[in-house]
Every structure is written in structure tokens, then in C-alpha cells.
Amino acid sequence: MKYIKYLFLALVAAVMLPSCADEGPEQVGSLECSAAIVSVTPTSATIDVTYPTASMIDGISGVILTSNYEETYSVYTGETIMDDEYYITRRYIITNLTPDTEYQISVDVEVHKYETDWGTYEYSHLTLVPSGDSKFTTKAEGDYSDIARAHTEYLGITNTTASFQVFFDDETMMMLSDYGSVSVKYGTTPDLSGSDTREIIYDGYNNNNYFQEDGLIMNGENHIEICLINLKEDTKYYFSVTGNFRYRPSTDWYDEVTIENVTLVIPDNSFTTTSGEQYIGKFTYASYTAYDTSVSLSVSAPSSYEFAPASLGYDIHVVYSTSPDFSDAVDYSRRWDYDYFNNSLYCEIPNLTPGTTYYYYIIASFVNTERGYPAVVYQNVKVEGADGYGTFTTQSSYY
């Protein structure tokens, strides 16, 4: 590496020499270039190289890594991520490195030394040691902390549920589609060591309707979609995400690897459920067909909401009474049979009295997808008609 150092110093000295009109062509610019480490894994590194536009450097040809003073890898394809009036930055992704190894960075550049009326005289290539990050050490085997960073976008928090998305900060990280590739642990202790800590596992289905006992994980490709249910109200929860992911350190598809048992680094990994009864609105439509001792009832969910699927495991309750104050209320419940979101509820209510007017409301679980997926879940919410209740009247008996 000594030849790089001496070449760099000699060129910088040459650039700074004074010049006069009768001493030949004028020397222009300098040989400034800097490197910044974006991320490092056990076997790869992402490096940004920047140089000023007003310099002797015409372009960056590539990045060279050396370990123990022997060249180990060179890459000559980079992506321009900044090109403005003052600076140009190119990003280089270098793969097939050795874990827990120190590397020296050098940059191969195209430069010109001076300009004349007849053109620009160039050196073809020069190798420079950049300022800034000139060395780095690859991570130990299995340490993907640099690329496993993520952030959370909360879609909705209710008194018993939380719906949110976890986005990978590194755009090369992706979800796997395999069964059991991601698990989410959550509980009320920051280290998730409490007795109330629970876990849900991605089951390989990208289905917003299929909930496990305590929630749902969906594959968003570059992010993870999560809905947790059956939570306690007015309670702070913490969560962690661990799994197997795809990682493509370069643009070449054959460089894609699977990294296993990686716990994402998520700074915003807590939320607090709300308290009190949730309100989502009133029926948008209700109708019924009356018989003497039963009614076929049809009710549409409030605007922007749908009845939750059966996989949530909740009955729908039709609470009815012969009095608007519900002093003699009867709770008729049934299991919602559909495995998909549905705007309408249809059910038969038996054992009614002929020729009687009844007042009713519904307690059910609903979903809302206005902010995206997964749906925001509202569990056991009371929904009423325009007057605070709905009504139906049975037919009079002819016998």
C-alpha cells in the first residue's frame, strides 16, 4: 500500500504548485475523494465514494479492497446516488468477503492533470486512499445488525388490538415466503421476559382474513404486516421480530442469500392500547323479513368498516328487547361463518313473540383497511341504528 500513499502525496503536491502564463498549461482542481461505509455484513460491504465536481477527478472507475496487503476484491460497477453542482457520489456493493476481517479501501479514479487550448491531458487511472472511512472490518459470522434495522408505521391502535407495518431500512432486505420464517413476540416487559409474553408465527399465507389465535403476520415483500389482537386496554406493549430473510447485497440475482434467525433492530417497538368503549358509527343499512316467531335480519356495517372473519374467533351478538331502554334484553349470539371480510350481516333470530316490536343493537368485531394492510381490528364493538337502536316487528299469529 505504500505506493498508493506516495502517489497520492505526489499528486496533491503537484496540484498545489504555482503556475504562470509563460510556464506552460495551468494545473486545475485537486485529488480529493472520500469514502463512507453504509453497511457491513459478514460477507459484504456497501461503500459510498464522493468527489467534488470541481476537481482533477473525471470519474471513479472502481473500488479495491485489500486485506493483509494483498488485493482480495475489486468492483467496477457502482450506482450514482448523488450528482449535483458540487459533488458526485457513487455507491459500490462488494460481496464474497471474509467474516471478521479488516479491509483497506482504495479507489481507482480517472483524472486529468491540466488543460490547454487543444484539450485535456489525462492520466488514465490512479489509485488513491480516500479520506473518511479508509478501513472497515466485516461483521462476525451471523451478525447482520447493520442491514437488519427497521422502523414501524402504526396503522391503528384500539383498546384490544394493534395493527402496524415493520419496514426494512435496507432496501436489499426482503421477506421469505416459507412457513414459519418470521415470528413476532410481544408482551408488557421491555425484554419480553414476562409471563404474559406471547408469540405468533408467519404461516406462509398472505391472507388478511386468516387470523391466528393472537393475531396475524402478512408478507409485504419489503416489509412485514402485523396485527395483534386480544390485548389489554390502556397497557403498554413491546414487540420483537425474528426470522429468516432474503438479502441481495448486489444487483445480481445470483448473489441473493438467506440469512437465518435474525432479530430486527426496531427502535420504535412499543405502543399503548387505548381505553374505554370503541365507537365506529351506526348501521348504514338495515332490513328484515318478519315471521310470527322469528325474523330474518340483514344489517350493513358502518361506513368504511366490514364484519371481521370467523378466524378471529368471535360470535356476533344481537341484543334485543321489547323496551327501548333494554330492561328485558335478550342476547342472541351466533358464530360468523365467513372466512372473509363482509359488509353485511345476515342472521335468523328465533323464539320471538308474534305481533311484537323489538329494539336491537349488535355487538361484533369489525375491520377497517382505509390505511392499508393489515386491517385495523375493532373487537366486540357495539353498533346501533340511527335512533340508538334498530327495530323490527314480528307478524301477528293467525292461530
Protein backbone atom coordinates (compact mmCIF):
# COMPACT_ATOMS: atom_id res chain seq x y z
CA MET A 1 0.00 0.00 0.00
CA LYS A 2 2.99 2.37 0.25
CA TYR A 3 2.93 3.12 -3.47
CA ILE A 4 -0.64 4.39 -3.12
CA LYS A 5 0.35 6.74 -0.33
CA TYR A 6 3.35 8.18 -2.17
CA LEU A 7 1.41 8.57 -5.41
CA PHE A 8 -1.35 10.40 -3.61
CA LEU A 9 1.06 12.80 -1.87
CA ALA A 10 2.97 13.49 -5.07
CA LEU A 11 -0.16 14.33 -7.00
CA VAL A 12 -1.53 16.58 -4.29
CA ALA A 13 1.82 18.43 -4.21
CA ALA A 14 1.75 18.80 -7.98
CA VAL A 15 -1.73 20.26 -7.91
CA MET A 16 -0.72 22.90 -5.36
CA LEU A 17 2.36 24.16 -7.31
CA PRO A 18 2.01 27.79 -8.51
CA SER A 19 1.84 28.41 -12.23
CA CYS A 20 2.40 31.40 -14.53
CA ALA A 21 1.25 32.08 -18.09
CA ASP A 22 4.76 31.56 -19.51
CA GLU A 23 5.41 28.36 -17.60
CA GLY A 24 3.08 26.13 -19.55
CA PRO A 25 -0.53 24.97 -19.14
CA GLU A 26 -2.42 25.74 -15.95
CA GLN A 27 -2.99 22.94 -13.43
CA VAL A 28 -6.58 22.72 -12.19
CA GLY A 29 -8.53 21.10 -9.34
CA SER A 30 -7.39 18.65 -6.68
CA LEU A 31 -7.44 14.94 -5.91
CA GLU A 32 -9.94 14.93 -3.08
CA CYS A 33 -12.13 11.87 -2.71
CA SER A 34 -13.76 10.35 0.36
CA ALA A 35 -15.40 7.06 1.30
CA ALA A 36 -18.23 6.36 3.73
CA ILE A 37 -19.32 2.94 4.95
CA VAL A 38 -23.08 2.49 4.51
CA SER A 39 -23.40 -1.04 5.88
CA VAL A 40 -21.31 -4.11 6.57
CA THR A 41 -22.31 -7.77 6.86
CA PRO A 42 -20.12 -10.83 7.49
CA THR A 43 -19.56 -11.25 3.73
CA SER A 44 -20.33 -7.90 2.07
CA ALA A 45 -19.94 -4.14 2.36
CA THR A 46 -21.75 -1.15 0.88
CA ILE A 47 -19.50 1.87 0.34
CA ASP A 48 -20.24 5.39 -0.92
CA VAL A 49 -17.42 7.24 -2.68
CA THR A 50 -17.69 11.02 -3.16
CA TYR A 51 -15.58 13.55 -5.04
CA PRO A 52 -16.12 17.25 -5.84
CA THR A 53 -17.17 18.17 -9.36
CA ALA A 54 -14.53 20.92 -9.49
CA SER A 55 -11.53 18.63 -9.26
CA MET A 56 -8.97 16.78 -11.33
CA ILE A 57 -11.06 13.61 -10.95
CA ASP A 58 -13.13 12.89 -14.04
CA GLY A 59 -14.73 9.77 -12.66
CA ILE A 60 -14.46 6.78 -10.34
CA SER A 61 -13.54 3.54 -12.07
CA GLY A 62 -13.95 1.27 -9.08
CA VAL A 63 -13.19 0.34 -5.50
CA ILE A 64 -10.42 -2.03 -4.45
CA LEU A 65 -10.29 -3.84 -1.10
CA THR A 66 -7.10 -5.30 0.31
CA SER A 67 -6.52 -7.44 3.34
CA ASN A 68 -3.06 -8.22 4.71
CA TYR A 69 -1.68 -6.05 1.87
CA GLU A 70 -2.95 -8.40 -0.79
CA GLU A 71 -5.72 -7.47 -3.20
CA THR A 72 -8.81 -9.51 -2.41
CA TYR A 73 -11.64 -7.95 -4.40
CA SER A 74 -12.36 -5.20 -6.89
CA VAL A 75 -15.70 -3.86 -8.10
CA TYR A 76 -16.10 -1.57 -11.09
CA THR A 77 -19.86 -1.12 -11.23
CA GLY A 78 -21.41 1.47 -8.97
CA GLU A 79 -24.68 3.36 -8.83
CA THR A 80 -24.73 7.16 -8.88
CA ILE A 81 -26.81 8.24 -5.91
CA MET A 82 -25.94 11.95 -5.94
CA ASP A 83 -24.85 14.24 -8.75
CA ASP A 84 -25.27 17.95 -8.14
CA GLU A 85 -23.38 21.16 -8.74
CA TYR A 86 -20.74 20.39 -6.13
CA TYR A 87 -20.36 16.64 -5.53
CA ILE A 88 -20.81 13.26 -7.18
CA THR A 89 -21.38 10.14 -5.07
CA ARG A 90 -21.35 6.57 -6.32
CA ARG A 91 -22.37 3.53 -4.29
CA TYR A 92 -20.44 0.25 -4.50
CA ILE A 93 -21.57 -3.11 -3.11
CA ILE A 94 -18.79 -5.64 -2.63
CA THR A 95 -19.57 -9.30 -1.91
CA ASN A 96 -17.77 -12.57 -1.16
CA LEU A 97 -15.77 -11.08 1.70
CA THR A 98 -14.45 -13.00 4.70
CA PRO A 99 -16.21 -12.58 8.08
CA ASP A 100 -14.42 -10.69 10.88
CA THR A 101 -11.67 -9.41 8.58
CA GLU A 102 -10.21 -5.90 8.26
CA TYR A 103 -10.08 -4.40 4.77
CA GLN A 104 -8.27 -1.36 3.39
CA ILE A 105 -10.22 0.72 0.86
CA SER A 106 -8.60 2.27 -2.19
CA VAL A 107 -10.29 3.98 -5.11
CA ASP A 108 -9.40 3.71 -8.78
CA VAL A 109 -10.07 7.09 -10.44
CA GLU A 110 -9.69 8.72 -13.85
CA VAL A 111 -8.01 12.11 -13.56
CA HIS A 112 -6.65 14.93 -15.69
CA LYS A 113 -3.64 16.98 -14.65
CA TYR A 114 -4.03 20.14 -16.72
CA GLU A 115 -5.99 21.74 -19.55
CA THR A 116 -4.77 23.58 -22.69
CA ASP A 117 -6.38 25.23 -25.68
CA TRP A 118 -6.03 21.93 -27.51
CA GLY A 119 -7.74 19.70 -24.97
CA THR A 120 -7.43 18.00 -21.61
CA TYR A 121 -4.42 15.84 -20.80
CA GLU A 122 -5.38 12.88 -18.60
CA TYR A 123 -3.79 10.19 -16.55
CA SER A 124 -5.68 7.03 -17.41
CA HIS A 125 -6.08 5.65 -13.89
CA LEU A 126 -4.71 6.44 -10.46
CA THR A 127 -5.26 4.57 -7.21
CA LEU A 128 -5.96 6.73 -4.16
CA VAL A 129 -6.53 6.12 -0.48
CA PRO A 130 -9.77 8.04 0.28
CA SER A 131 -10.32 10.29 3.23
CA GLY A 132 -13.11 9.47 5.66
CA ASP A 133 -13.60 5.73 6.02
CA SER A 134 -10.48 4.15 4.58
CA LYS A 135 -10.78 0.89 6.53
CA PHE A 136 -13.54 -1.36 7.86
CA THR A 137 -13.93 -4.78 9.44
CA THR A 138 -16.58 -7.22 8.29
CA LYS A 139 -19.06 -8.43 10.89
CA ALA A 140 -18.66 -11.71 12.71
CA GLU A 141 -20.43 -14.76 11.31
CA GLY A 142 -24.20 -14.35 11.73
CA ASP A 143 -24.07 -10.64 12.64
CA TYR A 144 -26.39 -8.77 10.26
CA SER A 145 -27.14 -5.86 12.60
CA ASP A 146 -26.13 -3.25 10.00
CA ILE A 147 -28.78 -4.29 7.49
CA ALA A 148 -31.36 -5.67 9.94
CA ARG A 149 -32.56 -2.25 11.02
CA ALA A 150 -36.23 -1.46 10.61
CA HIS A 151 -38.87 1.10 11.56
CA THR A 152 -42.56 0.88 12.38
CA GLU A 153 -45.60 2.53 10.83
CA TYR A 154 -48.64 2.17 13.08
CA LEU A 155 -51.90 1.84 11.17
CA GLY A 156 -54.25 1.78 14.14
CA ILE A 157 -54.31 1.10 17.88
CA THR A 158 -57.56 0.23 19.69
CA ASN A 159 -58.35 -0.86 23.23
CA THR A 160 -57.56 -4.52 22.45
CA THR A 161 -55.65 -4.56 19.11
CA ALA A 162 -52.66 -3.06 17.30
CA SER A 163 -52.09 -3.05 13.52
CA PHE A 164 -48.75 -1.92 12.11
CA GLN A 165 -46.10 -2.46 9.44
CA VAL A 166 -42.38 -3.03 10.03
CA PHE A 167 -40.29 -1.70 7.11
CA PHE A 168 -36.71 -2.78 6.41
CA ASP A 169 -34.38 0.23 6.37
CA ASP A 170 -32.06 -1.59 3.98
CA GLU A 171 -33.78 -1.89 0.61
CA THR A 172 -31.97 -5.16 -0.16
CA MET A 173 -33.76 -6.99 2.68
CA MET A 174 -36.87 -8.97 1.74
CA MET A 175 -39.35 -11.36 3.34
CA LEU A 176 -39.30 -15.10 2.66
CA SER A 177 -42.47 -16.95 1.74
CA ASP A 178 -41.58 -20.08 3.70
CA TYR A 179 -43.70 -21.36 6.56
CA GLY A 180 -42.52 -20.23 9.96
CA SER A 181 -39.92 -17.82 8.59
CA VAL A 182 -40.91 -14.91 10.87
CA SER A 183 -42.10 -14.78 14.47
CA VAL A 184 -43.36 -11.83 16.49
CA LYS A 185 -43.08 -11.87 20.27
CA TYR A 186 -44.95 -9.31 22.32
CA GLY A 187 -45.67 -8.57 25.95
CA THR A 188 -45.62 -5.89 28.64
CA THR A 189 -41.94 -6.14 29.64
CA PRO A 190 -39.25 -4.40 27.52
CA ASP A 191 -37.09 -7.54 27.35
CA LEU A 192 -40.16 -9.74 26.72
CA SER A 193 -39.34 -11.93 29.70
CA GLY A 194 -42.69 -11.52 31.47
CA SER A 195 -45.22 -14.28 31.97
CA ASP A 196 -47.65 -12.53 29.60
CA THR A 197 -45.26 -12.70 26.61
CA ARG A 198 -46.90 -14.33 23.58
CA GLU A 199 -45.75 -15.26 20.08
CA ILE A 200 -47.34 -15.52 16.65
CA ILE A 201 -45.65 -17.07 13.60
CA TYR A 202 -45.94 -16.30 9.91
CA ASP A 203 -47.67 -19.30 8.41
CA GLY A 204 -46.80 -18.84 4.75
CA TYR A 205 -50.16 -17.37 3.74
CA ASN A 206 -50.50 -13.78 2.55
CA ASN A 207 -54.12 -13.63 3.66
CA ASN A 208 -55.54 -10.67 5.54
CA ASN A 209 -58.58 -12.73 6.56
CA TYR A 210 -56.83 -15.59 8.29
CA PHE A 211 -56.02 -14.72 11.87
CA GLN A 212 -54.20 -16.95 14.32
CA GLU A 213 -55.35 -17.10 17.92
CA ASP A 214 -53.49 -13.91 18.87
CA GLY A 215 -53.01 -12.10 15.60
CA LEU A 216 -51.77 -12.12 12.05
CA ILE A 217 -48.47 -11.77 10.13
CA MET A 218 -48.52 -10.96 6.42
CA ASN A 219 -45.75 -10.90 3.82
CA GLY A 220 -45.32 -7.40 2.43
CA GLU A 221 -42.13 -8.31 0.50
CA ASN A 222 -40.07 -5.30 1.64
CA HIS A 223 -41.94 -5.06 4.94
CA ILE A 224 -43.82 -7.19 7.48
CA GLU A 225 -47.51 -6.60 8.18
CA ILE A 226 -48.63 -7.40 11.73
CA CYS A 227 -51.90 -7.31 13.63
CA LEU A 228 -52.05 -8.24 17.32
CA ILE A 229 -55.40 -8.95 18.99
CA ASN A 230 -56.75 -9.90 22.43
CA LEU A 231 -54.67 -7.23 24.17
CA LYS A 232 -55.43 -5.50 27.48
CA GLU A 233 -56.73 -1.96 27.30
CA ASP A 234 -54.66 1.03 28.43
CA THR A 235 -51.50 -1.11 28.51
CA LYS A 236 -48.03 -0.55 27.05
CA TYR A 237 -46.74 -3.41 24.92
CA TYR A 238 -43.32 -4.18 23.44
CA PHE A 239 -42.59 -6.46 20.49
CA SER A 240 -39.68 -8.04 18.65
CA VAL A 241 -39.39 -9.60 15.19
CA THR A 242 -37.08 -12.54 14.45
CA GLY A 243 -36.90 -14.59 11.30
CA ASN A 244 -35.24 -15.75 8.12
CA PHE A 245 -34.98 -13.18 5.35
CA ARG A 246 -33.70 -12.76 1.83
CA TYR A 247 -30.77 -10.43 1.30
CA ARG A 248 -29.39 -9.40 -2.07
CA PRO A 249 -26.19 -7.41 -1.47
CA SER A 250 -25.74 -6.58 -5.16
CA THR A 251 -27.97 -6.11 -8.19
CA ASP A 252 -27.14 -9.60 -9.41
CA TRP A 253 -29.88 -12.09 -8.54
CA TYR A 254 -27.37 -14.92 -8.03
CA ASP A 255 -25.85 -13.00 -5.11
CA GLU A 256 -29.09 -13.39 -3.13
CA VAL A 257 -28.63 -15.25 0.14
CA THR A 258 -30.86 -16.31 3.02
CA ILE A 259 -29.92 -15.03 6.45
CA GLU A 260 -31.39 -17.05 9.30
CA ASN A 261 -32.57 -16.37 12.83
CA VAL A 262 -32.03 -12.61 12.53
CA THR A 263 -33.66 -10.29 15.09
CA LEU A 264 -34.53 -6.94 13.55
CA VAL A 265 -33.31 -3.77 15.24
CA ILE A 266 -36.51 -1.75 15.71
CA PRO A 267 -36.23 1.44 17.83
CA ASP A 268 -39.99 2.18 17.78
CA ASN A 269 -41.08 -1.24 19.05
CA SER A 270 -43.69 -0.27 21.63
CA PHE A 271 -47.26 1.00 21.69
CA THR A 272 -50.02 1.63 24.23
CA THR A 273 -53.58 0.42 23.75
CA THR A 274 -56.43 2.85 24.24
CA SER A 275 -59.08 2.66 26.94
CA GLY A 276 -62.87 2.83 27.01
CA GLU A 277 -65.54 1.61 24.65
CA GLN A 278 -64.75 1.95 20.95
CA TYR A 279 -67.18 3.72 18.63
CA ILE A 280 -67.10 3.19 14.86
CA GLY A 281 -70.52 4.53 13.75
CA LYS A 282 -74.04 3.30 13.06
CA PHE A 283 -75.65 0.86 10.63
CA THR A 284 -75.50 2.11 7.06
CA TYR A 285 -78.48 -0.08 6.19
CA ALA A 286 -80.84 -2.50 7.97
CA SER A 287 -83.79 -4.54 6.82
CA TYR A 288 -85.70 -7.61 7.96
CA THR A 289 -88.25 -10.18 6.89
CA ALA A 290 -90.75 -10.89 9.66
CA TYR A 291 -92.49 -14.11 10.60
CA ASP A 292 -94.71 -14.70 13.61
CA THR A 293 -91.99 -16.10 15.90
CA SER A 294 -88.77 -15.22 14.05
CA VAL A 295 -87.10 -12.54 11.97
CA SER A 296 -84.52 -12.73 9.16
CA LEU A 297 -82.31 -9.73 9.87
CA SER A 298 -79.87 -8.05 7.46
CA VAL A 299 -77.56 -5.27 8.64
CA SER A 300 -74.75 -3.42 6.84
CA ALA A 301 -71.64 -2.37 8.76
CA PRO A 302 -70.85 1.29 9.40
CA SER A 303 -69.22 3.20 6.54
CA SER A 304 -65.58 2.13 5.88
CA TYR A 305 -65.93 -0.96 8.11
CA GLU A 306 -66.63 -4.62 7.49
CA PHE A 307 -67.53 -7.54 9.71
CA ALA A 308 -64.41 -9.45 10.75
CA PRO A 309 -63.85 -13.04 9.52
CA ALA A 310 -64.55 -16.16 11.55
CA SER A 311 -60.84 -16.77 12.17
CA LEU A 312 -60.94 -14.00 14.78
CA GLY A 313 -62.98 -16.46 16.82
CA TYR A 314 -65.76 -14.17 17.98
CA ASP A 315 -69.52 -14.57 18.00
CA ILE A 316 -71.82 -11.83 16.78
CA HIS A 317 -74.37 -10.78 19.38
CA VAL A 318 -77.81 -9.42 18.54
CA VAL A 319 -79.13 -7.88 21.74
CA TYR A 320 -82.90 -7.27 21.54
CA SER A 321 -85.66 -6.11 23.87
CA THR A 322 -89.31 -5.11 23.84
CA SER A 323 -88.33 -1.83 25.54
CA PRO A 324 -86.06 0.92 24.15
CA ASP A 325 -84.24 1.00 27.50
CA PHE A 326 -83.43 -2.70 27.06
CA SER A 327 -84.76 -3.55 30.51
CA ASP A 328 -85.65 -7.09 29.39
CA ALA A 329 -82.77 -7.58 26.96
CA VAL A 330 -82.02 -10.96 25.41
CA ASP A 331 -78.56 -11.69 23.99
CA TYR A 332 -78.80 -13.89 20.91
CA SER A 333 -75.35 -14.87 19.63
CA ARG A 334 -74.07 -16.86 16.68
CA ARG A 335 -70.70 -17.59 15.10
CA TRP A 336 -69.88 -15.62 11.99
CA ASP A 337 -69.31 -18.34 9.39
CA TYR A 338 -67.48 -16.47 6.65
CA ASP A 339 -63.70 -16.57 6.23
CA TYR A 340 -63.52 -13.19 4.52
CA PHE A 341 -64.44 -9.59 5.18
CA ASN A 342 -68.08 -8.85 4.58
CA ASN A 343 -70.03 -5.61 4.69
CA SER A 344 -73.33 -7.26 5.62
CA LEU A 345 -74.60 -9.50 8.39
CA TYR A 346 -77.48 -11.88 7.81
CA CYS A 347 -78.96 -13.97 10.59
CA GLU A 348 -82.20 -15.60 11.80
CA ILE A 349 -83.47 -14.63 15.26
CA PRO A 350 -85.81 -17.31 16.68
CA ASN A 351 -88.17 -17.64 19.66
CA LEU A 352 -89.87 -14.27 19.32
CA THR A 353 -93.42 -13.26 20.30
CA PRO A 354 -95.93 -12.71 17.47
CA GLY A 355 -97.11 -9.16 16.79
CA THR A 356 -94.33 -7.55 18.87
CA THR A 357 -91.95 -4.70 18.16
CA TYR A 358 -88.37 -5.27 19.25
CA TYR A 359 -85.45 -2.89 19.68
CA TYR A 360 -81.96 -4.20 18.99
CA TYR A 361 -78.26 -3.42 18.62
CA ILE A 362 -75.30 -5.57 17.59
CA ILE A 363 -72.00 -6.37 19.29
CA ALA A 364 -69.44 -7.68 16.80
CA SER A 365 -65.84 -7.44 15.63
CA PHE A 366 -65.06 -5.24 12.65
CA VAL A 367 -62.11 -4.42 10.40
CA ASN A 368 -61.03 -1.25 8.62
CA THR A 369 -58.49 -1.19 5.76
CA GLU A 370 -58.51 2.53 4.91
CA ARG A 371 -54.86 2.97 5.97
CA GLY A 372 -53.66 -0.22 4.30
CA TYR A 373 -52.98 -3.78 5.39
CA PRO A 374 -53.22 -5.46 7.77
CA ALA A 375 -56.69 -4.34 8.70
CA VAL A 376 -57.26 -2.40 11.89
CA VAL A 377 -59.40 -4.67 14.08
CA TYR A 378 -62.12 -3.48 16.44
CA GLN A 379 -63.18 -6.26 18.80
CA ASN A 380 -66.62 -6.56 20.42
CA VAL A 381 -67.88 -3.12 19.38
CA LYS A 382 -71.49 -2.00 19.89
CA VAL A 383 -73.24 -0.77 16.71
CA GLU A 384 -76.69 0.78 16.68
CA GLY A 385 -79.28 2.23 14.34
CA ALA A 386 -79.87 5.92 13.68
CA ASP A 387 -82.02 6.33 16.81
CA GLY A 388 -79.63 4.49 19.08
CA TYR A 389 -81.16 1.17 18.17
CA GLY A 390 -82.74 -0.74 15.31
CA THR A 391 -86.27 -2.08 15.32
CA PHE A 392 -88.19 -5.00 13.85
CA THR A 393 -91.77 -6.24 14.34
CA THR A 394 -92.96 -9.81 14.12
CA GLN A 395 -96.15 -10.78 12.31
CA SER A 396 -99.30 -11.41 14.27
CA SER A 397 -100.27 -15.03 14.71
CA TYR A 398 -103.34 -16.16 12.77
CA TYR A 399 -104.00 -19.03 15.09
